[in-house]
Amino acid sequence: MSLKQWERDVLNRQRNIVFPDTNLNQGRFYRNIASGKAVFSRGQKVSLLLIVFGCMSFYAFGLATAISAFLSQHNIGLLVVDLWSSMWLLGILLFWAFLAVNGLFPAERKRKLRRGYRSKS
């Protein structure tokens, strides 16, 4: 990234337009976690674990409620609604599990070997 592109990016992040910038920053946040490129300190990992645990427990409770409603229904119309809601909650639950694994246990990066005037070859 060139200096001019970097300056433009910094200026764009400091604008007073709330909604589009908030969406861009949130998308950038989730992309960095999902890609495994984000580097977190120990405190940030603990905070991420607490957030993920809270969201996963909330959606797991919702999923259990939707499954129990699905199993107790005898009306076909409500069965479809309960099935869709349980699939939706399962998808969100898997999303948070994916983010937790990639955020807390990032993949090992390959180190580039530099060959310069100080290398011992």
C-alpha atoms as a PDB file:
ATOM      1  CA  MET A   1       0.000   0.000   0.000  1.00  0.00           C
ATOM      2  CA  SER A   2       1.438   3.324  -1.016  1.00  0.00           C
ATOM      3  CA  LEU A   3       1.600   6.357   1.237  1.00  0.00           C
ATOM      4  CA  LYS A   4      -1.148   8.122  -0.702  1.00  0.00           C
ATOM      5  CA  GLN A   5      -3.495   5.126  -0.416  1.00  0.00           C
ATOM      6  CA  TRP A   6      -2.729   4.845   3.283  1.00  0.00           C
ATOM      7  CA  GLU A   7      -3.476   8.549   3.856  1.00  0.00           C
ATOM      8  CA  ARG A   8      -6.743   8.245   1.922  1.00  0.00           C
ATOM      9  CA  ASP A   9      -7.700   5.219   4.034  1.00  0.00           C
ATOM     10  CA  VAL A  10      -6.948   7.097   7.275  1.00  0.00           C
ATOM     11  CA  LEU A  11      -8.996  10.116   6.148  1.00  0.00           C
ATOM     12  CA  ASN A  12     -11.904   7.910   5.091  1.00  0.00           C
ATOM     13  CA  ARG A  13     -11.931   6.220   8.492  1.00  0.00           C
ATOM     14  CA  GLN A  14     -12.169   9.598  10.262  1.00  0.00           C
ATOM     15  CA  ARG A  15     -15.245  10.918   8.444  1.00  0.00           C
ATOM     16  CA  ASN A  16     -18.369  11.965  10.315  1.00  0.00           C
ATOM     17  CA  ILE A  17     -20.663   9.659   8.359  1.00  0.00           C
ATOM     18  CA  VAL A  18     -21.714   7.126  10.949  1.00  0.00           C
ATOM     19  CA  PHE A  19     -23.702   4.370   9.271  1.00  0.00           C
ATOM     20  CA  PRO A  20     -21.529   3.400   6.242  1.00  0.00           C
ATOM     21  CA  ASP A  21     -18.297   3.679   8.207  1.00  0.00           C
ATOM     22  CA  THR A  22     -19.693   1.583  11.028  1.00  0.00           C
ATOM     23  CA  ASN A  23     -20.627  -1.153   8.570  1.00  0.00           C
ATOM     24  CA  LEU A  24     -17.209  -1.000   6.905  1.00  0.00           C
ATOM     25  CA  ASN A  25     -15.407  -1.215  10.253  1.00  0.00           C
ATOM     26  CA  GLN A  26     -17.586  -4.079  11.459  1.00  0.00           C
ATOM     27  CA  GLY A  27     -17.025  -5.965   8.204  1.00  0.00           C
ATOM     28  CA  ARG A  28     -13.280  -5.361   8.472  1.00  0.00           C
ATOM     29  CA  PHE A  29     -13.352  -6.611  12.082  1.00  0.00           C
ATOM     30  CA  TYR A  30     -15.097  -9.891  11.209  1.00  0.00           C
ATOM     31  CA  ARG A  31     -12.957 -10.425   8.083  1.00  0.00           C
ATOM     32  CA  ASN A  32      -9.755 -10.022  10.096  1.00  0.00           C
ATOM     33  CA  ILE A  33     -10.913 -12.514  12.712  1.00  0.00           C
ATOM     34  CA  ALA A  34     -12.201 -15.024  10.154  1.00  0.00           C
ATOM     35  CA  SER A  35      -9.045 -14.839   8.057  1.00  0.00           C
ATOM     36  CA  GLY A  36      -6.830 -15.582  11.055  1.00  0.00           C
ATOM     37  CA  LYS A  37      -4.694 -12.493  10.387  1.00  0.00           C
ATOM     38  CA  ALA A  38      -5.764 -10.687  13.549  1.00  0.00           C
ATOM     39  CA  VAL A  39      -3.202 -10.763  16.346  1.00  0.00           C
ATOM     40  CA  PHE A  40      -4.720 -10.505  19.808  1.00  0.00           C
ATOM     41  CA  SER A  41      -3.142  -9.977  23.189  1.00  0.00           C
ATOM     42  CA  ARG A  42      -4.066 -12.254  26.082  1.00  0.00           C
ATOM     43  CA  GLY A  43      -6.661  -9.775  27.387  1.00  0.00           C
ATOM     44  CA  GLN A  44      -8.248  -9.412  23.971  1.00  0.00           C
ATOM     45  CA  LYS A  45      -8.453 -13.196  23.627  1.00  0.00           C
ATOM     46  CA  VAL A  46     -10.172 -13.449  27.002  1.00  0.00           C
ATOM     47  CA  SER A  47     -12.622 -10.699  25.988  1.00  0.00           C
ATOM     48  CA  LEU A  48     -13.304 -12.398  22.659  1.00  0.00           C
ATOM     49  CA  LEU A  49     -13.871 -15.675  24.481  1.00  0.00           C
ATOM     50  CA  LEU A  50     -16.379 -14.008  26.827  1.00  0.00           C
ATOM     51  CA  ILE A  51     -18.256 -12.397  23.931  1.00  0.00           C
ATOM     52  CA  VAL A  52     -18.340 -15.644  21.977  1.00  0.00           C
ATOM     53  CA  PHE A  53     -19.400 -17.624  25.048  1.00  0.00           C
ATOM     54  CA  GLY A  54     -22.232 -15.181  25.722  1.00  0.00           C
ATOM     55  CA  CYS A  55     -23.480 -15.233  22.136  1.00  0.00           C
ATOM     56  CA  MET A  56     -23.136 -18.993  21.797  1.00  0.00           C
ATOM     57  CA  SER A  57     -24.990 -19.657  25.064  1.00  0.00           C
ATOM     58  CA  PHE A  58     -27.795 -17.301  24.006  1.00  0.00           C
ATOM     59  CA  TYR A  59     -28.162 -18.900  20.569  1.00  0.00           C
ATOM     60  CA  ALA A  60     -27.769 -22.437  21.963  1.00  0.00           C
ATOM     61  CA  PHE A  61     -30.672 -21.738  24.325  1.00  0.00           C
ATOM     62  CA  GLY A  62     -32.706 -20.380  21.414  1.00  0.00           C
ATOM     63  CA  LEU A  63     -31.828 -23.423  19.322  1.00  0.00           C
ATOM     64  CA  ALA A  64     -32.869 -25.783  22.113  1.00  0.00           C
ATOM     65  CA  THR A  65     -36.146 -23.879  22.484  1.00  0.00           C
ATOM     66  CA  ALA A  66     -36.806 -24.014  18.732  1.00  0.00           C
ATOM     67  CA  ILE A  67     -36.051 -27.747  18.581  1.00  0.00           C
ATOM     68  CA  SER A  68     -38.331 -28.474  21.548  1.00  0.00           C
ATOM     69  CA  ALA A  69     -41.099 -26.407  19.933  1.00  0.00           C
ATOM     70  CA  PHE A  70     -40.526 -28.306  16.681  1.00  0.00           C
ATOM     71  CA  LEU A  71     -40.802 -31.676  18.413  1.00  0.00           C
ATOM     72  CA  SER A  72     -43.941 -30.745  20.368  1.00  0.00           C
ATOM     73  CA  GLN A  73     -45.929 -29.291  17.434  1.00  0.00           C
ATOM     74  CA  HIS A  74     -48.616 -31.146  15.558  1.00  0.00           C
ATOM     75  CA  ASN A  75     -49.500 -28.339  13.136  1.00  0.00           C
ATOM     76  CA  ILE A  76     -47.625 -28.585   9.808  1.00  0.00           C
ATOM     77  CA  GLY A  77     -47.442 -24.794   9.313  1.00  0.00           C
ATOM     78  CA  LEU A  78     -45.805 -24.262  12.675  1.00  0.00           C
ATOM     79  CA  LEU A  79     -43.437 -27.178  12.054  1.00  0.00           C
ATOM     80  CA  VAL A  80     -41.984 -25.371   9.048  1.00  0.00           C
ATOM     81  CA  VAL A  81     -41.537 -22.138  11.021  1.00  0.00           C
ATOM     82  CA  ASP A  82     -39.868 -23.994  13.893  1.00  0.00           C
ATOM     83  CA  LEU A  83     -37.618 -25.883  11.469  1.00  0.00           C
ATOM     84  CA  TRP A  84     -36.513 -22.671   9.736  1.00  0.00           C
ATOM     85  CA  SER A  85     -35.901 -20.895  13.021  1.00  0.00           C
ATOM     86  CA  SER A  86     -33.822 -23.788  14.330  1.00  0.00           C
ATOM     87  CA  MET A  87     -31.763 -23.863  11.101  1.00  0.00           C
ATOM     88  CA  TRP A  88     -31.228 -20.087  11.334  1.00  0.00           C
ATOM     89  CA  LEU A  89     -30.092 -20.329  14.961  1.00  0.00           C
ATOM     90  CA  LEU A  90     -27.834 -23.274  14.141  1.00  0.00           C
ATOM     91  CA  GLY A  91     -26.207 -21.217  11.362  1.00  0.00           C
ATOM     92  CA  ILE A  92     -25.551 -18.307  13.724  1.00  0.00           C
ATOM     93  CA  LEU A  93     -24.198 -20.702  16.341  1.00  0.00           C
ATOM     94  CA  LEU A  94     -21.791 -22.243  13.822  1.00  0.00           C
ATOM     95  CA  PHE A  95     -20.704 -18.759  12.695  1.00  0.00           C
ATOM     96  CA  TRP A  96     -19.723 -17.809  16.253  1.00  0.00           C
ATOM     97  CA  ALA A  97     -17.955 -21.129  16.742  1.00  0.00           C
ATOM     98  CA  PHE A  98     -15.989 -20.506  13.512  1.00  0.00           C
ATOM     99  CA  LEU A  99     -15.024 -17.009  14.668  1.00  0.00           C
ATOM    100  CA  ALA A 100     -13.961 -18.295  18.073  1.00  0.00           C
ATOM    101  CA  VAL A 101     -11.717 -20.975  16.613  1.00  0.00           C
ATOM    102  CA  ASN A 102     -10.110 -18.614  14.079  1.00  0.00           C
ATOM    103  CA  GLY A 103      -9.767 -15.752  16.562  1.00  0.00           C
ATOM    104  CA  LEU A 104      -8.399 -17.724  19.485  1.00  0.00           C
ATOM    105  CA  PHE A 105      -6.307 -20.260  17.583  1.00  0.00           C
ATOM    106  CA  PRO A 106      -4.962 -18.584  14.415  1.00  0.00           C
ATOM    107  CA  ALA A 107      -3.072 -20.643  11.862  1.00  0.00           C
ATOM    108  CA  GLU A 108       0.696 -20.546  11.989  1.00  0.00           C
ATOM    109  CA  ARG A 109       2.181 -18.069   9.579  1.00  0.00           C
ATOM    110  CA  LYS A 110       5.030 -18.922   7.309  1.00  0.00           C
ATOM    111  CA  ARG A 111       8.045 -16.795   7.981  1.00  0.00           C
ATOM    112  CA  LYS A 112       9.771 -15.285   5.029  1.00  0.00           C
ATOM    113  CA  LEU A 113      13.473 -15.773   4.984  1.00  0.00           C
ATOM    114  CA  ARG A 114      15.335 -12.647   4.107  1.00  0.00           C
ATOM    115  CA  ARG A 115      18.484 -12.932   2.139  1.00  0.00           C
ATOM    116  CA  GLY A 116      20.563  -9.840   2.597  1.00  0.00           C
ATOM    117  CA  TYR A 117      24.082  -8.792   3.305  1.00  0.00           C
ATOM    118  CA  ARG A 118      23.833 -10.069   6.903  1.00  0.00           C
ATOM    119  CA  SER A 119      22.590 -13.560   6.093  1.00  0.00           C
ATOM    120  CA  LYS A 120      24.838 -16.510   6.796  1.00  0.00           C
ATOM    121  CA  SER A 121      24.734 -18.635   3.694  1.00  0.00           C
END
